[in-house]
Amino acid sequence: MKKELMSSRISLASLPTPLEEIKATFIPHDLEIWLKRDDLTEFVGSGNKIRKLEYLLYEAQQSGAKTIVTCGGIQSNHCRATAFAARKLGMKPVLFLRGTKPEHVEGNLFLDQLLESEIHWITPEQYQKRDRIMSEYRENSQNPEQVYLIPEGGSNMIGSLGYMRAIDEMMEQVRLDSFDALFCPVGSAGTYAGLLAGLKANDVTTPLIGINVTLTNPSEFSTKVKTICDELAENQLLENEVNEKDIIILDGYCGEAYAVPTKKGIGYIKDCLLQTGILLDPVYTSKAFDGMIEESKKRGLKSLLFIHTGGGFGNYAYSDHFGIE
């Protein structure tokens, strides 16, 4: 079962992505930071989501799906990557986006529309029932059996296989136990779950610290991570049990709300691009980068690996936060 599931994927990403050390004046002099460059997994499909989509869309193809339905915010990286990958495979993307259509179409939303996605705008209240709304869409379709649903962020057991595999990839590049900690953003917990399961499966004890970029209680994410890892174990993909103490998801760096940039985050985007040539994003990686720097000071960490989950297109929708006219 393990070998069969791990090989059940479509090659969509350009792998392996590079792993590189960065040096800059905004990094404490005694801190070593390496980046796993998953912003380079693809171009239109760039970022962490495409690793999950390799597995999810394989399952969709095997089921005979012609339509892919998923959900997210207006500037969802996941929705953009899903629309891209669906079109590449000859499928129709249907997106349920939280909010109202903006006056100016920018960033990920521009690409969603360029890919001729069928977009349904739903309120934040409706979004709380997103899974039911997507299920109703499938049930009301002319051919429900040809409609494949992907949850928010691609964050389920099948999607998590992408980041279990990423751990195997990283172990070919570097000794993961040489780092004091690994860091990644947490927005829907699927990437975190896959990374943690991959570390456990390879007996790597380096802690994985997730930085919550939403106002969702971290306990909800912890429950989701535990559920995904338990499902992986049930499918013989994970022998070592994941305990609650293994799951470290920290609050305090989201700012006003999800998808609302922070002042420090914007500063990191500017400084990182100027000094390293690497582009962070305003929703995920800049907030997580801030959290990583601050937590390294609190915890006395000296050598870190940061999972750069992409999101660069999102910057184009937040130009007013950069003071550029």
Foldseek 3Di string as FASTA:
>chain_A
DQVVLLPLFAQDWDDDADKAWDDFPVFPPLATEIERPQQRRDPQLGFDLVLLVRQQVSVLVVLQAQEEEEEEELQDSNLRNVLVVSVVVNHAYEYEYEDDDDPDQFFSRVSCVVSVHHYHYDYPVVVVVVVVVVLVVLVPDPHSSNYGYQYVSSAALRSLSSLLVSLVRVVVVDPPLVFQAEEFEDAPQRNVLSVLQNCQQVVRPRAYAYEYQFPPDVVVSLVSSQVSSVVCVVVVNHDGHDDSVRYHYDYDQNPPGAPDFDLQLLVCQVRCCVRPVDGAARGTDSSRVVVVSVVCVVVVTHYYYYYRRHSRSRVGVVVVSNPDD
